[in-house]
Amino acid sequence: MNETIFTKIINREIPADIIYEDDLCLAFKDVNPQAPTHILIIPKSPISKLTDASENDQDLLGHLLLRARDIAKDLGVEDAYRIVINNGETAGQTVFHLHIHLLAGREFNWPPG
């Protein structure tokens, strides 16, 4: 995987408003929020997009979702939030480092997009 802006955030080469970190992942506020609460949760290991994840990534992917749950609770939005993973350019992925969007604080429509 090529170095991305998220890799630079992990390596502390560029600043971010980090709200959570552990050995496997990092979570920070999105600089272009689409909701009052908009957090990005990224793995520290290089996975370009969900399609590129392997069976060996199963525990990591579960870890990311559970951290999203915990972060939502910590932010007081545990009863109403949306989780989004864009996979590929035509699905809206702009940074090719797997990331989960945690969005909350406004009403969301269905279907999205």
PDB file of N, CA and C in Angstrom:
ATOM      1  N   MET A   1       0.839  -1.176   0.000  1.00  0.00           N
ATOM      2  CA  MET A   1       0.000   0.000   0.000  1.00  0.00           C
ATOM      3  C   MET A   1       0.883   1.239   0.000  1.00  0.00           C
ATOM      4  N   ASN A   2       0.508   2.223  -0.790  1.00  0.00           N
ATOM      5  CA  ASN A   2       1.237   3.486  -0.814  1.00  0.00           C
ATOM      6  C   ASN A   2       0.982   4.266   0.462  1.00  0.00           C
ATOM      7  N   GLU A   3       1.924   5.144   0.809  1.00  0.00           N
ATOM      8  CA  GLU A   3       1.729   5.992   1.972  1.00  0.00           C
ATOM      9  C   GLU A   3       0.577   6.956   1.699  1.00  0.00           C
ATOM     10  N   THR A   4      -0.294   7.116   2.681  1.00  0.00           N
ATOM     11  CA  THR A   4      -1.447   8.007   2.564  1.00  0.00           C
ATOM     12  C   THR A   4      -1.392   9.057   3.667  1.00  0.00           C
ATOM     13  N   ILE A   5      -2.330   9.968   3.614  1.00  0.00           N
ATOM     14  CA  ILE A   5      -2.441  10.965   4.680  1.00  0.00           C
ATOM     15  C   ILE A   5      -2.671  10.277   6.027  1.00  0.00           C
ATOM     16  N   PHE A   6      -3.377   9.136   6.021  1.00  0.00           N
ATOM     17  CA  PHE A   6      -3.627   8.422   7.268  1.00  0.00           C
ATOM     18  C   PHE A   6      -2.345   7.799   7.806  1.00  0.00           C
ATOM     19  N   THR A   7      -1.495   7.309   6.922  1.00  0.00           N
ATOM     20  CA  THR A   7      -0.200   6.792   7.356  1.00  0.00           C
ATOM     21  C   THR A   7       0.604   7.900   8.018  1.00  0.00           C
ATOM     22  N   LYS A   8       0.542   9.080   7.433  1.00  0.00           N
ATOM     23  CA  LYS A   8       1.266  10.223   8.008  1.00  0.00           C
ATOM     24  C   LYS A   8       0.697  10.621   9.363  1.00  0.00           C
ATOM     25  N   ILE A   9      -0.609  10.476   9.540  1.00  0.00           N
ATOM     26  CA  ILE A   9      -1.211  10.747  10.853  1.00  0.00           C
ATOM     27  C   ILE A   9      -0.744   9.701  11.857  1.00  0.00           C
ATOM     28  N   ILE A  10      -0.759   8.435  11.480  1.00  0.00           N
ATOM     29  CA  ILE A  10      -0.281   7.364  12.363  1.00  0.00           C
ATOM     30  C   ILE A  10       1.151   7.625  12.785  1.00  0.00           C
ATOM     31  N   ASN A  11       1.980   8.055  11.841  1.00  0.00           N
ATOM     32  CA  ASN A  11       3.403   8.303  12.110  1.00  0.00           C
ATOM     33  C   ASN A  11       3.679   9.671  12.728  1.00  0.00           C
ATOM     34  N   ARG A  12       2.609  10.431  12.980  1.00  0.00           N
ATOM     35  CA  ARG A  12       2.705  11.767  13.579  1.00  0.00           C
ATOM     36  C   ARG A  12       3.490  12.756  12.711  1.00  0.00           C
ATOM     37  N   GLU A  13       3.437  12.548  11.405  1.00  0.00           N
ATOM     38  CA  GLU A  13       4.077  13.462  10.467  1.00  0.00           C
ATOM     39  C   GLU A  13       3.189  14.663  10.183  1.00  0.00           C
ATOM     40  N   ILE A  14       1.885  14.488  10.338  1.00  0.00           N
ATOM     41  CA  ILE A  14       0.941  15.600  10.231  1.00  0.00           C
ATOM     42  C   ILE A  14      -0.012  15.512  11.423  1.00  0.00           C
ATOM     43  N   PRO A  15      -0.515  16.656  11.880  1.00  0.00           N
ATOM     44  CA  PRO A  15      -1.366  16.644  13.073  1.00  0.00           C
ATOM     45  C   PRO A  15      -2.782  16.165  12.780  1.00  0.00           C
ATOM     46  N   ALA A  16      -3.416  15.668  13.821  1.00  0.00           N
ATOM     47  CA  ALA A  16      -4.823  15.295  13.773  1.00  0.00           C
ATOM     48  C   ALA A  16      -5.372  15.408  15.188  1.00  0.00           C
ATOM     49  N   ASP A  17      -6.666  15.603  15.284  1.00  0.00           N
ATOM     50  CA  ASP A  17      -7.330  15.675  16.579  1.00  0.00           C
ATOM     51  C   ASP A  17      -7.674  14.241  17.000  1.00  0.00           C
ATOM     52  N   ILE A  18      -6.683  13.556  17.552  1.00  0.00           N
ATOM     53  CA  ILE A  18      -6.809  12.142  17.919  1.00  0.00           C
ATOM     54  C   ILE A  18      -7.623  12.022  19.198  1.00  0.00           C
ATOM     55  N   ILE A  19      -8.641  11.149  19.145  1.00  0.00           N
ATOM     56  CA  ILE A  19      -9.474  10.947  20.326  1.00  0.00           C
ATOM     57  C   ILE A  19      -9.316   9.556  20.927  1.00  0.00           C
ATOM     58  N   TYR A  20      -8.675   8.640  20.188  1.00  0.00           N
ATOM     59  CA  TYR A  20      -8.467   7.286  20.705  1.00  0.00           C
ATOM     60  C   TYR A  20      -7.284   6.660  19.970  1.00  0.00           C
ATOM     61  N   GLU A  21      -6.509   5.868  20.706  1.00  0.00           N
ATOM     62  CA  GLU A  21      -5.427   5.111  20.084  1.00  0.00           C
ATOM     63  C   GLU A  21      -5.132   3.886  20.926  1.00  0.00           C
ATOM     64  N   ASP A  22      -4.845   2.781  20.235  1.00  0.00           N
ATOM     65  CA  ASP A  22      -4.317   1.584  20.873  1.00  0.00           C
ATOM     66  C   ASP A  22      -3.298   0.970  19.926  1.00  0.00           C
ATOM     67  N   ASP A  23      -2.865  -0.238  20.195  1.00  0.00           N
ATOM     68  CA  ASP A  23      -1.836  -0.868  19.365  1.00  0.00           C
ATOM     69  C   ASP A  23      -2.303  -1.165  17.944  1.00  0.00           C
ATOM     70  N   LEU A  24      -3.621  -1.296  17.744  1.00  0.00           N
ATOM     71  CA  LEU A  24      -4.148  -1.719  16.450  1.00  0.00           C
ATOM     72  C   LEU A  24      -4.795  -0.609  15.627  1.00  0.00           C
ATOM     73  N   CYS A  25      -5.257   0.444  16.299  1.00  0.00           N
ATOM     74  CA  CYS A  25      -6.006   1.456  15.560  1.00  0.00           C
ATOM     75  C   CYS A  25      -5.858   2.841  16.157  1.00  0.00           C
ATOM     76  N   LEU A  26      -6.359   3.793  15.391  1.00  0.00           N
ATOM     77  CA  LEU A  26      -6.313   5.203  15.757  1.00  0.00           C
ATOM     78  C   LEU A  26      -7.650   5.811  15.338  1.00  0.00           C
ATOM     79  N   ALA A  27      -8.187   6.719  16.164  1.00  0.00           N
ATOM     80  CA  ALA A  27      -9.429   7.405  15.822  1.00  0.00           C
ATOM     81  C   ALA A  27      -9.218   8.901  15.991  1.00  0.00           C
ATOM     82  N   PHE A  28      -9.739   9.660  15.039  1.00  0.00           N
ATOM     83  CA  PHE A  28      -9.563  11.108  15.073  1.00  0.00           C
ATOM     84  C   PHE A  28     -10.739  11.790  14.399  1.00  0.00           C
ATOM     85  N   LYS A  29     -10.898  13.086  14.695  1.00  0.00           N
ATOM     86  CA  LYS A  29     -11.980  13.860  14.114  1.00  0.00           C
ATOM     87  C   LYS A  29     -11.704  14.125  12.635  1.00  0.00           C
ATOM     88  N   ASP A  30     -12.740  13.971  11.821  1.00  0.00           N
ATOM     89  CA  ASP A  30     -12.630  14.248  10.389  1.00  0.00           C
ATOM     90  C   ASP A  30     -12.476  15.750  10.180  1.00  0.00           C
ATOM     91  N   VAL A  31     -11.557  16.161   9.312  1.00  0.00           N
ATOM     92  CA  VAL A  31     -11.339  17.594   9.063  1.00  0.00           C
ATOM     93  C   VAL A  31     -12.434  18.189   8.167  1.00  0.00           C
ATOM     94  N   ASN A  32     -13.227  17.346   7.531  1.00  0.00           N
ATOM     95  CA  ASN A  32     -14.335  17.791   6.693  1.00  0.00           C
ATOM     96  C   ASN A  32     -15.604  17.075   7.155  1.00  0.00           C
ATOM     97  N   PRO A  33     -16.085  17.407   8.358  1.00  0.00           N
ATOM     98  CA  PRO A  33     -17.181  16.627   8.948  1.00  0.00           C
ATOM     99  C   PRO A  33     -18.487  16.723   8.160  1.00  0.00           C
ATOM    100  N   GLN A  34     -19.154  15.579   8.072  1.00  0.00           N
ATOM    101  CA  GLN A  34     -20.442  15.487   7.402  1.00  0.00           C
ATOM    102  C   GLN A  34     -21.591  15.406   8.395  1.00  0.00           C
ATOM    103  N   ALA A  35     -21.262  15.507   9.679  1.00  0.00           N
ATOM    104  CA  ALA A  35     -22.245  15.499  10.768  1.00  0.00           C
ATOM    105  C   ALA A  35     -21.579  16.169  11.960  1.00  0.00           C
ATOM    106  N   PRO A  36     -22.368  16.604  12.943  1.00  0.00           N
ATOM    107  CA  PRO A  36     -21.758  17.223  14.124  1.00  0.00           C
ATOM    108  C   PRO A  36     -20.695  16.346  14.794  1.00  0.00           C
ATOM    109  N   THR A  37     -20.920  15.050  14.802  1.00  0.00           N
ATOM    110  CA  THR A  37     -19.894  14.098  15.230  1.00  0.00           C
ATOM    111  C   THR A  37     -19.467  13.310  14.001  1.00  0.00           C
ATOM    112  N   HIS A  38     -18.192  13.388  13.655  1.00  0.00           N
ATOM    113  CA  HIS A  38     -17.655  12.641  12.509  1.00  0.00           C
ATOM    114  C   HIS A  38     -16.241  12.221  12.859  1.00  0.00           C
ATOM    115  N   ILE A  39     -16.107  10.946  13.197  1.00  0.00           N
ATOM    116  CA  ILE A  39     -14.841  10.368  13.620  1.00  0.00           C
ATOM    117  C   ILE A  39     -14.403   9.345  12.581  1.00  0.00           C
ATOM    118  N   LEU A  40     -13.113   9.319  12.288  1.00  0.00           N
ATOM    119  CA  LEU A  40     -12.541   8.285  11.429  1.00  0.00           C
ATOM    120  C   LEU A  40     -11.772   7.312  12.304  1.00  0.00           C
ATOM    121  N   ILE A  41     -11.998   6.021  12.096  1.00  0.00           N
ATOM    122  CA  ILE A  41     -11.312   4.972  12.839  1.00  0.00           C
ATOM    123  C   ILE A  41     -10.527   4.166  11.818  1.00  0.00           C
ATOM    124  N   ILE A  42      -9.208   4.120  11.998  1.00  0.00           N
ATOM    125  CA  ILE A  42      -8.350   3.487  11.001  1.00  0.00           C
ATOM    126  C   ILE A  42      -7.469   2.422  11.642  1.00  0.00           C
ATOM    127  N   PRO A  43      -7.211   1.352  10.908  1.00  0.00           N
ATOM    128  CA  PRO A  43      -6.242   0.378  11.414  1.00  0.00           C
ATOM    129  C   PRO A  43      -4.829   0.920  11.205  1.00  0.00           C
ATOM    130  N   LYS A  44      -3.932   0.534  12.089  1.00  0.00           N
ATOM    131  CA  LYS A  44      -2.536   0.934  11.909  1.00  0.00           C
ATOM    132  C   LYS A  44      -1.851   0.068  10.857  1.00  0.00           C
ATOM    133  N   SER A  45      -2.377  -1.113  10.601  1.00  0.00           N
ATOM    134  CA  SER A  45      -1.802  -1.963   9.556  1.00  0.00           C
ATOM    135  C   SER A  45      -2.355  -1.529   8.204  1.00  0.00           C
ATOM    136  N   PRO A  46      -1.543  -1.683   7.174  1.00  0.00           N
ATOM    137  CA  PRO A  46      -1.929  -1.164   5.850  1.00  0.00           C
ATOM    138  C   PRO A  46      -2.903  -2.066   5.093  1.00  0.00           C
ATOM    139  N   ILE A  47      -4.162  -1.652   5.054  1.00  0.00           N
ATOM    140  CA  ILE A  47      -5.183  -2.295   4.228  1.00  0.00           C
ATOM    141  C   ILE A  47      -5.775  -1.168   3.383  1.00  0.00           C
ATOM    142  N   SER A  48      -5.687  -1.272   2.080  1.00  0.00           N
ATOM    143  CA  SER A  48      -6.146  -0.189   1.206  1.00  0.00           C
ATOM    144  C   SER A  48      -7.648   0.015   1.266  1.00  0.00           C
ATOM    145  N   LYS A  49      -8.401  -1.066   1.187  1.00  0.00           N
ATOM    146  CA  LYS A  49      -9.860  -0.998   1.223  1.00  0.00           C
ATOM    147  C   LYS A  49     -10.389  -2.334   1.707  1.00  0.00           C
ATOM    148  N   LEU A  50     -11.644  -2.382   2.055  1.00  0.00           N
ATOM    149  CA  LEU A  50     -12.217  -3.597   2.629  1.00  0.00           C
ATOM    150  C   LEU A  50     -12.040  -4.795   1.704  1.00  0.00           C
ATOM    151  N   THR A  51     -12.145  -4.574   0.409  1.00  0.00           N
ATOM    152  CA  THR A  51     -11.954  -5.656  -0.553  1.00  0.00           C
ATOM    153  C   THR A  51     -10.588  -6.315  -0.407  1.00  0.00           C
ATOM    154  N   ASP A  52      -9.602  -5.560   0.031  1.00  0.00           N
ATOM    155  CA  ASP A  52      -8.237  -6.084   0.164  1.00  0.00           C
ATOM    156  C   ASP A  52      -7.982  -6.786   1.495  1.00  0.00           C
ATOM    157  N   ALA A  53      -8.947  -6.762   2.403  1.00  0.00           N
ATOM    158  CA  ALA A  53      -8.775  -7.450   3.684  1.00  0.00           C
ATOM    159  C   ALA A  53      -8.803  -8.962   3.446  1.00  0.00           C
ATOM    160  N   SER A  54      -8.032  -9.667   4.254  1.00  0.00           N
ATOM    161  CA  SER A  54      -7.981 -11.123   4.136  1.00  0.00           C
ATOM    162  C   SER A  54      -8.634 -11.759   5.360  1.00  0.00           C
ATOM    163  N   GLU A  55      -8.773 -13.055   5.311  1.00  0.00           N
ATOM    164  CA  GLU A  55      -9.309 -13.786   6.464  1.00  0.00           C
ATOM    165  C   GLU A  55      -8.449 -13.537   7.701  1.00  0.00           C
ATOM    166  N   ASN A  56      -7.166 -13.288   7.502  1.00  0.00           N
ATOM    167  CA  ASN A  56      -6.269 -13.006   8.627  1.00  0.00           C
ATOM    168  C   ASN A  56      -6.591 -11.677   9.307  1.00  0.00           C
ATOM    169  N   ASP A  57      -7.369 -10.818   8.652  1.00  0.00           N
ATOM    170  CA  ASP A  57      -7.738  -9.520   9.207  1.00  0.00           C
ATOM    171  C   ASP A  57      -9.045  -9.562  10.007  1.00  0.00           C
ATOM    172  N   GLN A  58      -9.617 -10.727  10.151  1.00  0.00           N
ATOM    173  CA  GLN A  58     -10.914 -10.851  10.814  1.00  0.00           C
ATOM    174  C   GLN A  58     -10.906 -10.248  12.218  1.00  0.00           C
ATOM    175  N   ASP A  59      -9.924 -10.559  13.022  1.00  0.00           N
ATOM    176  CA  ASP A  59      -9.871 -10.020  14.385  1.00  0.00           C
ATOM    177  C   ASP A  59      -9.702  -8.503  14.370  1.00  0.00           C
ATOM    178  N   LEU A  60      -8.879  -7.991  13.476  1.00  0.00           N
ATOM    179  CA  LEU A  60      -8.678  -6.553  13.371  1.00  0.00           C
ATOM    180  C   LEU A  60      -9.970  -5.842  12.976  1.00  0.00           C
ATOM    181  N   LEU A  61     -10.693  -6.387  12.012  1.00  0.00           N
ATOM    182  CA  LEU A  61     -11.936  -5.765  11.570  1.00  0.00           C
ATOM    183  C   LEU A  61     -12.966  -5.748  12.697  1.00  0.00           C
ATOM    184  N   GLY A  62     -13.046  -6.820  13.450  1.00  0.00           N
ATOM    185  CA  GLY A  62     -13.933  -6.847  14.611  1.00  0.00           C
ATOM    186  C   GLY A  62     -13.506  -5.830  15.653  1.00  0.00           C
ATOM    187  N   HIS A  63     -12.198  -5.711  15.858  1.00  0.00           N
ATOM    188  CA  HIS A  63     -11.664  -4.737  16.809  1.00  0.00           C
ATOM    189  C   HIS A  63     -12.071  -3.320  16.422  1.00  0.00           C
ATOM    190  N   LEU A  64     -11.982  -2.997  15.137  1.00  0.00           N
ATOM    191  CA  LEU A  64     -12.355  -1.660  14.674  1.00  0.00           C
ATOM    192  C   LEU A  64     -13.823  -1.356  14.972  1.00  0.00           C
ATOM    193  N   LEU A  65     -14.699  -2.322  14.733  1.00  0.00           N
ATOM    194  CA  LEU A  65     -16.120  -2.104  14.993  1.00  0.00           C
ATOM    195  C   LEU A  65     -16.402  -1.961  16.485  1.00  0.00           C
ATOM    196  N   LEU A  66     -15.745  -2.757  17.300  1.00  0.00           N
ATOM    197  CA  LEU A  66     -15.957  -2.638  18.741  1.00  0.00           C
ATOM    198  C   LEU A  66     -15.413  -1.326  19.284  1.00  0.00           C
ATOM    199  N   ARG A  67     -14.313  -0.845  18.724  1.00  0.00           N
ATOM    200  CA  ARG A  67     -13.811   0.463  19.147  1.00  0.00           C
ATOM    201  C   ARG A  67     -14.773   1.554  18.705  1.00  0.00           C
ATOM    202  N   ALA A  68     -15.374   1.418  17.525  1.00  0.00           N
ATOM    203  CA  ALA A  68     -16.377   2.387  17.079  1.00  0.00           C
ATOM    204  C   ALA A  68     -17.525   2.433  18.079  1.00  0.00           C
ATOM    205  N   ARG A  69     -17.969   1.273  18.528  1.00  0.00           N
ATOM    206  CA  ARG A  69     -19.026   1.211  19.545  1.00  0.00           C
ATOM    207  C   ARG A  69     -18.606   1.948  20.811  1.00  0.00           C
ATOM    208  N   ASP A  70     -17.384   1.685  21.272  1.00  0.00           N
ATOM    209  CA  ASP A  70     -16.889   2.303  22.507  1.00  0.00           C
ATOM    210  C   ASP A  70     -16.734   3.816  22.362  1.00  0.00           C
ATOM    211  N   ILE A  71     -16.240   4.249  21.214  1.00  0.00           N
ATOM    212  CA  ILE A  71     -16.060   5.683  20.965  1.00  0.00           C
ATOM    213  C   ILE A  71     -17.419   6.371  20.942  1.00  0.00           C
ATOM    214  N   ALA A  72     -18.417   5.753  20.299  1.00  0.00           N
ATOM    215  CA  ALA A  72     -19.768   6.317  20.284  1.00  0.00           C
ATOM    216  C   ALA A  72     -20.285   6.481  21.710  1.00  0.00           C
ATOM    217  N   LYS A  73     -20.057   5.486  22.534  1.00  0.00           N
ATOM    218  CA  LYS A  73     -20.491   5.572  23.930  1.00  0.00           C
ATOM    219  C   LYS A  73     -19.761   6.700  24.647  1.00  0.00           C
ATOM    220  N   ASP A  74     -18.447   6.769  24.476  1.00  0.00           N
ATOM    221  CA  ASP A  74     -17.656   7.824  25.127  1.00  0.00           C
ATOM    222  C   ASP A  74     -18.108   9.223  24.705  1.00  0.00           C
ATOM    223  N   LEU A  75     -18.565   9.359  23.468  1.00  0.00           N
ATOM    224  CA  LEU A  75     -19.010  10.652  22.948  1.00  0.00           C
ATOM    225  C   LEU A  75     -20.483  10.933  23.259  1.00  0.00           C
ATOM    226  N   GLY A  76     -21.154   9.975  23.887  1.00  0.00           N
ATOM    227  CA  GLY A  76     -22.552  10.166  24.255  1.00  0.00           C
ATOM    228  C   GLY A  76     -23.536  10.033  23.115  1.00  0.00           C
ATOM    229  N   VAL A  77     -23.140   9.322  22.060  1.00  0.00           N
ATOM    230  CA  VAL A  77     -24.032   9.152  20.903  1.00  0.00           C
ATOM    231  C   VAL A  77     -24.358   7.677  20.654  1.00  0.00           C
ATOM    232  N   GLU A  78     -24.198   6.849  21.703  1.00  0.00           N
ATOM    233  CA  GLU A  78     -24.314   5.406  21.516  1.00  0.00           C
ATOM    234  C   GLU A  78     -25.692   4.932  21.063  1.00  0.00           C
ATOM    235  N   ASP A  79     -26.725   5.753  21.208  1.00  0.00           N
ATOM    236  CA  ASP A  79     -28.063   5.334  20.802  1.00  0.00           C
ATOM    237  C   ASP A  79     -28.437   5.746  19.388  1.00  0.00           C
ATOM    238  N   ALA A  80     -27.609   6.543  18.722  1.00  0.00           N
ATOM    239  CA  ALA A  80     -27.973   7.004  17.380  1.00  0.00           C
ATOM    240  C   ALA A  80     -26.724   7.424  16.617  1.00  0.00           C
ATOM    241  N   TYR A  81     -26.141   6.480  15.897  1.00  0.00           N
ATOM    242  CA  TYR A  81     -24.990   6.803  15.059  1.00  0.00           C
ATOM    243  C   TYR A  81     -25.000   5.910  13.834  1.00  0.00           C
ATOM    244  N   ARG A  82     -24.262   6.340  12.834  1.00  0.00           N
ATOM    245  CA  ARG A  82     -24.130   5.567  11.600  1.00  0.00           C
ATOM    246  C   ARG A  82     -22.664   5.222  11.405  1.00  0.00           C
ATOM    247  N   ILE A  83     -22.430   4.008  10.951  1.00  0.00           N
ATOM    248  CA  ILE A  83     -21.098   3.528  10.597  1.00  0.00           C
ATOM    249  C   ILE A  83     -21.067   3.372   9.079  1.00  0.00           C
ATOM    250  N   VAL A  84     -20.024   3.930   8.438  1.00  0.00           N
ATOM    251  CA  VAL A  84     -19.900   3.855   6.984  1.00  0.00           C
ATOM    252  C   VAL A  84     -18.488   3.421   6.630  1.00  0.00           C
ATOM    253  N   ILE A  85     -18.394   2.490   5.689  1.00  0.00           N
ATOM    254  CA  ILE A  85     -17.111   2.124   5.082  1.00  0.00           C
ATOM    255  C   ILE A  85     -17.305   2.241   3.573  1.00  0.00           C
ATOM    256  N   ASN A  86     -16.616   3.190   2.963  1.00  0.00           N
ATOM    257  CA  ASN A  86     -16.645   3.317   1.509  1.00  0.00           C
ATOM    258  C   ASN A  86     -15.562   2.405   0.941  1.00  0.00           C
ATOM    259  N   ASN A  87     -15.912   1.642  -0.078  1.00  0.00           N
ATOM    260  CA  ASN A  87     -14.965   0.699  -0.675  1.00  0.00           C
ATOM    261  C   ASN A  87     -14.819   0.992  -2.162  1.00  0.00           C
ATOM    262  N   GLY A  88     -13.761   1.695  -2.514  1.00  0.00           N
ATOM    263  CA  GLY A  88     -13.496   2.012  -3.909  1.00  0.00           C
ATOM    264  C   GLY A  88     -13.913   3.430  -4.262  1.00  0.00           C
ATOM    265  N   GLU A  89     -13.306   3.936  -5.299  1.00  0.00           N
ATOM    266  CA  GLU A  89     -13.502   5.321  -5.713  1.00  0.00           C
ATOM    267  C   GLU A  89     -14.961   5.642  -6.052  1.00  0.00           C
ATOM    268  N   THR A  90     -15.627   4.773  -6.779  1.00  0.00           N
ATOM    269  CA  THR A  90     -17.017   5.070  -7.162  1.00  0.00           C
ATOM    270  C   THR A  90     -17.977   4.945  -5.986  1.00  0.00           C
ATOM    271  N   ALA A  91     -17.524   4.364  -4.878  1.00  0.00           N
ATOM    272  CA  ALA A  91     -18.330   4.311  -3.653  1.00  0.00           C
ATOM    273  C   ALA A  91     -18.025   5.484  -2.734  1.00  0.00           C
ATOM    274  N   GLY A  92     -17.119   6.369  -3.167  1.00  0.00           N
ATOM    275  CA  GLY A  92     -16.813   7.560  -2.379  1.00  0.00           C
ATOM    276  C   GLY A  92     -15.533   7.486  -1.574  1.00  0.00           C
ATOM    277  N   GLN A  93     -14.764   6.413  -1.719  1.00  0.00           N
ATOM    278  CA  GLN A  93     -13.498   6.330  -0.982  1.00  0.00           C
ATOM    279  C   GLN A  93     -12.485   7.262  -1.641  1.00  0.00           C
ATOM    280  N   THR A  94     -11.926   8.166  -0.849  1.00  0.00           N
ATOM    281  CA  THR A  94     -10.942   9.113  -1.373  1.00  0.00           C
ATOM    282  C   THR A  94      -9.547   8.877  -0.821  1.00  0.00           C
ATOM    283  N   VAL A  95      -9.457   8.243   0.341  1.00  0.00           N
ATOM    284  CA  VAL A  95      -8.158   7.874   0.915  1.00  0.00           C
ATOM    285  C   VAL A  95      -8.102   6.359   0.933  1.00  0.00           C
ATOM    286  N   PHE A  96      -7.117   5.799   0.250  1.00  0.00           N
ATOM    287  CA  PHE A  96      -7.041   4.347   0.124  1.00  0.00           C
ATOM    288  C   PHE A  96      -6.223   3.737   1.253  1.00  0.00           C
ATOM    289  N   HIS A  97      -6.797   3.899   2.439  1.00  0.00           N
ATOM    290  CA  HIS A  97      -6.382   3.266   3.688  1.00  0.00           C
ATOM    291  C   HIS A  97      -7.712   3.001   4.376  1.00  0.00           C
ATOM    292  N   LEU A  98      -8.048   1.735   4.568  1.00  0.00           N
ATOM    293  CA  LEU A  98      -9.334   1.371   5.144  1.00  0.00           C
ATOM    294  C   LEU A  98      -9.668   2.277   6.326  1.00  0.00           C
ATOM    295  N   HIS A  99     -10.885   2.790   6.356  1.00  0.00           N
ATOM    296  CA  HIS A  99     -11.322   3.612   7.479  1.00  0.00           C
ATOM    297  C   HIS A  99     -12.823   3.508   7.660  1.00  0.00           C
ATOM    298  N   ILE A 100     -13.216   3.631   8.911  1.00  0.00           N
ATOM    299  CA  ILE A 100     -14.620   3.610   9.295  1.00  0.00           C
ATOM    300  C   ILE A 100     -15.022   5.033   9.660  1.00  0.00           C
ATOM    301  N   HIS A 101     -16.122   5.492   9.095  1.00  0.00           N
ATOM    302  CA  HIS A 101     -16.703   6.774   9.478  1.00  0.00           C
ATOM    303  C   HIS A 101     -17.729   6.499  10.572  1.00  0.00           C
ATOM    304  N   LEU A 102     -17.618   7.189  11.678  1.00  0.00           N
ATOM    305  CA  LEU A 102     -18.639   7.172  12.719  1.00  0.00           C
ATOM    306  C   LEU A 102     -19.302   8.541  12.671  1.00  0.00           C
ATOM    307  N   LEU A 103     -20.578   8.568  12.312  1.00  0.00           N
ATOM    308  CA  LEU A 103     -21.323   9.818  12.132  1.00  0.00           C
ATOM    309  C   LEU A 103     -22.492   9.861  13.109  1.00  0.00           C
ATOM    310  N   ALA A 104     -22.697  11.023  13.725  1.00  0.00           N
ATOM    311  CA  ALA A 104     -23.808  11.176  14.663  1.00  0.00           C
ATOM    312  C   ALA A 104     -24.128  12.652  14.833  1.00  0.00           C
ATOM    313  N   GLY A 105     -25.234  12.903  15.511  1.00  0.00           N
ATOM    314  CA  GLY A 105     -25.586  14.277  15.848  1.00  0.00           C
ATOM    315  C   GLY A 105     -26.559  14.937  14.895  1.00  0.00           C
ATOM    316  N   ARG A 106     -27.050  14.188  13.926  1.00  0.00           N
ATOM    317  CA  ARG A 106     -28.089  14.703  13.038  1.00  0.00           C
ATOM    318  C   ARG A 106     -28.895  13.516  12.528  1.00  0.00           C
ATOM    319  N   GLU A 107     -30.034  13.791  11.953  1.00  0.00           N
ATOM    320  CA  GLU A 107     -30.858  12.730  11.385  1.00  0.00           C
ATOM    321  C   GLU A 107     -30.291  12.295  10.042  1.00  0.00           C
ATOM    322  N   PHE A 108     -30.283  11.000   9.798  1.00  0.00           N
ATOM    323  CA  PHE A 108     -29.777  10.451   8.537  1.00  0.00           C
ATOM    324  C   PHE A 108     -30.943   9.878   7.736  1.00  0.00           C
ATOM    325  N   ASN A 109     -30.852   9.998   6.436  1.00  0.00           N
ATOM    326  CA  ASN A 109     -31.882   9.477   5.541  1.00  0.00           C
ATOM    327  C   ASN A 109     -31.507   8.091   5.055  1.00  0.00           C
ATOM    328  N   TRP A 110     -32.518   7.370   4.566  1.00  0.00           N
ATOM    329  CA  TRP A 110     -32.292   6.075   3.954  1.00  0.00           C
ATOM    330  C   TRP A 110     -33.097   6.023   2.673  1.00  0.00           C
ATOM    331  N   PRO A 111     -32.564   5.599   1.578  1.00  0.00           N
ATOM    332  CA  PRO A 111     -31.184   5.121   1.460  1.00  0.00           C
ATOM    333  C   PRO A 111     -30.206   6.292   1.430  1.00  0.00           C
ATOM    334  N   PRO A 112     -28.963   6.012   1.849  1.00  0.00           N
ATOM    335  CA  PRO A 112     -27.943   7.075   1.819  1.00  0.00           C
ATOM    336  C   PRO A 112     -27.517   7.375   0.387  1.00  0.00           C
ATOM    337  N   GLY A 113     -26.806   8.480   0.218  1.00  0.00           N
ATOM    338  CA  GLY A 113     -26.276   8.815  -1.094  1.00  0.00           C
ATOM    339  C   GLY A 113     -27.190   9.645  -1.843  1.00  0.00           C
TER     340      GLY A 113
END
